[in-house]
Amino acid sequence: MRIAITGGGTGGHTSAGLAVASALAERGVECVWIGSRHGIEAARVPERGIPLYAIPTGKLRRYWSWQ
């Protein structure tokens, strides 16, 4: 079985995701990570031997903007 974990940008989200990936790996589940090449996950995920698939990310604007 292969599971995709997403998230990152901050240490809190990444640390929780890495803990889940570690627990799943102990049960023989293969994990891949989908995240940003600019967030904290870009360094921490590959260190753990988890494949990282980087996608374009950005801030979700919850207000009207010309940007």
N, C-alpha and C. Protein backbone atom coordinates (compact mmCIF):
# COMPACT_ATOMS: atom_id res chain seq x y z
N MET A 1 0.85 -1.17 0.00
CA MET A 1 0.00 0.00 0.00
C MET A 1 0.90 1.23 0.00
N ARG A 2 0.46 2.27 -0.70
CA ARG A 2 1.19 3.53 -0.75
C ARG A 2 0.24 4.64 -0.30
N ILE A 3 0.73 5.47 0.59
CA ILE A 3 -0.06 6.59 1.14
C ILE A 3 0.66 7.89 0.80
N ALA A 4 -0.10 8.89 0.38
CA ALA A 4 0.44 10.23 0.15
C ALA A 4 0.11 11.10 1.35
N ILE A 5 1.13 11.74 1.87
CA ILE A 5 0.96 12.68 2.98
C ILE A 5 1.20 14.07 2.40
N THR A 6 0.35 15.01 2.75
CA THR A 6 0.49 16.37 2.25
C THR A 6 0.63 17.32 3.42
N GLY A 7 1.15 18.48 3.12
CA GLY A 7 1.26 19.50 4.15
C GLY A 7 2.67 20.01 4.27
N GLY A 8 2.82 20.97 5.12
CA GLY A 8 4.13 21.55 5.34
C GLY A 8 4.04 23.05 5.44
N GLY A 9 5.15 23.67 5.21
CA GLY A 9 5.22 25.12 5.35
C GLY A 9 5.63 25.53 6.75
N THR A 10 5.16 24.77 7.74
CA THR A 10 5.53 25.05 9.12
C THR A 10 6.02 23.77 9.78
N GLY A 11 6.75 23.92 10.84
CA GLY A 11 7.28 22.76 11.55
C GLY A 11 6.20 21.90 12.18
N GLY A 12 5.12 22.52 12.64
CA GLY A 12 4.05 21.76 13.30
C GLY A 12 3.39 20.76 12.37
N HIS A 13 3.05 21.20 11.17
CA HIS A 13 2.41 20.30 10.21
C HIS A 13 3.39 19.23 9.74
N THR A 14 4.62 19.62 9.51
CA THR A 14 5.61 18.68 9.00
C THR A 14 5.97 17.64 10.05
N SER A 15 6.16 18.06 11.28
CA SER A 15 6.50 17.10 12.35
C SER A 15 5.40 16.07 12.55
N ALA A 16 4.16 16.51 12.54
CA ALA A 16 3.04 15.58 12.70
C ALA A 16 2.98 14.60 11.53
N GLY A 17 3.17 15.10 10.33
CA GLY A 17 3.16 14.23 9.15
C GLY A 17 4.29 13.22 9.16
N LEU A 18 5.46 13.64 9.61
CA LEU A 18 6.59 12.72 9.70
C LEU A 18 6.36 11.64 10.75
N ALA A 19 5.69 12.00 11.84
CA ALA A 19 5.37 11.00 12.86
C ALA A 19 4.40 9.96 12.31
N VAL A 20 3.41 10.41 11.55
CA VAL A 20 2.46 9.48 10.93
C VAL A 20 3.18 8.60 9.92
N ALA A 21 4.05 9.18 9.10
CA ALA A 21 4.80 8.41 8.11
C ALA A 21 5.67 7.36 8.78
N SER A 22 6.28 7.70 9.89
CA SER A 22 7.13 6.76 10.62
C SER A 22 6.30 5.59 11.16
N ALA A 23 5.14 5.89 11.73
CA ALA A 23 4.27 4.83 12.26
C ALA A 23 3.77 3.92 11.14
N LEU A 24 3.45 4.50 10.00
CA LEU A 24 2.99 3.69 8.87
C LEU A 24 4.11 2.83 8.32
N ALA A 25 5.32 3.38 8.26
CA ALA A 25 6.47 2.62 7.75
C ALA A 25 6.74 1.39 8.62
N GLU A 26 6.53 1.51 9.92
CA GLU A 26 6.70 0.36 10.82
C GLU A 26 5.72 -0.76 10.50
N ARG A 27 4.63 -0.41 9.85
CA ARG A 27 3.61 -1.39 9.48
C ARG A 27 3.74 -1.82 8.02
N GLY A 28 4.83 -1.41 7.38
CA GLY A 28 5.09 -1.82 6.01
C GLY A 28 4.40 -0.99 4.94
N VAL A 29 3.89 0.18 5.31
CA VAL A 29 3.22 1.05 4.36
C VAL A 29 4.24 2.01 3.76
N GLU A 30 4.24 2.13 2.44
CA GLU A 30 5.14 3.07 1.76
C GLU A 30 4.47 4.44 1.71
N CYS A 31 5.20 5.46 2.11
CA CYS A 31 4.66 6.82 2.10
C CYS A 31 5.41 7.69 1.11
N VAL A 32 4.69 8.58 0.47
CA VAL A 32 5.28 9.64 -0.34
C VAL A 32 4.73 10.96 0.21
N TRP A 33 5.42 12.04 -0.06
CA TRP A 33 5.04 13.33 0.49
C TRP A 33 4.80 14.31 -0.65
N ILE A 34 3.70 15.04 -0.57
CA ILE A 34 3.40 16.10 -1.53
C ILE A 34 3.46 17.42 -0.78
N GLY A 35 4.34 18.30 -1.21
CA GLY A 35 4.51 19.57 -0.51
C GLY A 35 5.23 20.59 -1.36
N SER A 36 5.75 21.59 -0.70
CA SER A 36 6.43 22.70 -1.36
C SER A 36 7.94 22.50 -1.38
N ARG A 37 8.57 23.01 -2.40
CA ARG A 37 10.04 22.96 -2.43
C ARG A 37 10.63 24.10 -1.60
N HIS A 38 9.78 24.99 -1.10
CA HIS A 38 10.26 26.13 -0.32
C HIS A 38 9.96 26.01 1.17
N GLY A 39 9.13 25.09 1.56
CA GLY A 39 8.78 24.94 2.97
C GLY A 39 9.79 24.11 3.72
N ILE A 40 9.57 23.96 5.01
CA ILE A 40 10.48 23.19 5.86
C ILE A 40 10.53 21.72 5.43
N GLU A 41 9.45 21.25 4.81
CA GLU A 41 9.41 19.85 4.38
C GLU A 41 10.43 19.55 3.28
N ALA A 42 10.87 20.56 2.54
CA ALA A 42 11.84 20.34 1.47
C ALA A 42 13.15 19.76 1.99
N ALA A 43 13.51 20.07 3.22
CA ALA A 43 14.74 19.53 3.81
C ALA A 43 14.45 18.32 4.70
N ARG A 44 13.41 18.41 5.50
CA ARG A 44 13.18 17.37 6.52
C ARG A 44 12.63 16.06 5.97
N VAL A 45 11.82 16.12 4.93
CA VAL A 45 11.22 14.89 4.39
C VAL A 45 12.26 14.00 3.71
N PRO A 46 13.07 14.53 2.77
CA PRO A 46 14.08 13.67 2.14
C PRO A 46 15.10 13.10 3.13
N GLU A 47 15.38 13.84 4.22
CA GLU A 47 16.30 13.32 5.26
C GLU A 47 15.82 12.00 5.82
N ARG A 48 14.51 11.81 5.84
CA ARG A 48 13.90 10.59 6.39
C ARG A 48 13.74 9.51 5.33
N GLY A 49 14.20 9.78 4.11
CA GLY A 49 14.09 8.78 3.05
C GLY A 49 12.72 8.69 2.41
N ILE A 50 11.91 9.71 2.60
CA ILE A 50 10.56 9.73 2.02
C ILE A 50 10.62 10.55 0.72
N PRO A 51 10.12 9.98 -0.39
CA PRO A 51 10.11 10.75 -1.64
C PRO A 51 9.23 11.99 -1.51
N LEU A 52 9.75 13.13 -1.97
CA LEU A 52 9.02 14.39 -1.93
C LEU A 52 8.65 14.80 -3.35
N TYR A 53 7.37 15.00 -3.59
CA TYR A 53 6.88 15.52 -4.86
C TYR A 53 6.48 16.96 -4.63
N ALA A 54 7.29 17.89 -5.14
CA ALA A 54 7.06 19.31 -4.92
C ALA A 54 6.04 19.84 -5.92
N ILE A 55 5.11 20.63 -5.42
CA ILE A 55 4.11 21.27 -6.26
C ILE A 55 4.14 22.77 -5.97
N PRO A 56 3.67 23.58 -6.93
CA PRO A 56 3.61 25.02 -6.67
C PRO A 56 2.63 25.31 -5.53
N THR A 57 3.06 26.10 -4.59
CA THR A 57 2.20 26.44 -3.45
C THR A 57 2.20 27.94 -3.24
N GLY A 58 1.23 28.41 -2.53
CA GLY A 58 1.15 29.83 -2.22
C GLY A 58 0.14 30.06 -1.12
N LYS A 59 0.07 31.26 -0.70
CA LYS A 59 -0.85 31.63 0.37
C LYS A 59 -2.27 31.69 -0.18
N LEU A 60 -3.20 31.13 0.56
CA LEU A 60 -4.61 31.22 0.20
C LEU A 60 -5.15 32.54 0.72
N ARG A 61 -5.52 33.41 -0.21
CA ARG A 61 -6.05 34.71 0.18
C ARG A 61 -7.53 34.57 0.51
N ARG A 62 -7.88 34.97 1.69
CA ARG A 62 -9.27 34.89 2.13
C ARG A 62 -9.96 36.26 2.02
N TYR A 63 -9.40 37.09 1.16
CA TYR A 63 -9.95 38.42 0.95
C TYR A 63 -9.70 38.79 -0.50
N TRP A 64 -10.39 39.79 -0.99
CA TRP A 64 -10.22 40.22 -2.36
C TRP A 64 -8.88 40.93 -2.52
N SER A 65 -8.18 40.63 -3.62
CA SER A 65 -6.88 41.25 -3.86
C SER A 65 -6.62 41.28 -5.36
N TRP A 66 -5.85 42.25 -5.81
CA TRP A 66 -5.45 42.32 -7.22
C TRP A 66 -4.35 41.32 -7.54
N GLN A 67 -3.72 40.72 -6.55
CA GLN A 67 -2.59 39.82 -6.78
C GLN A 67 -3.03 38.49 -7.31
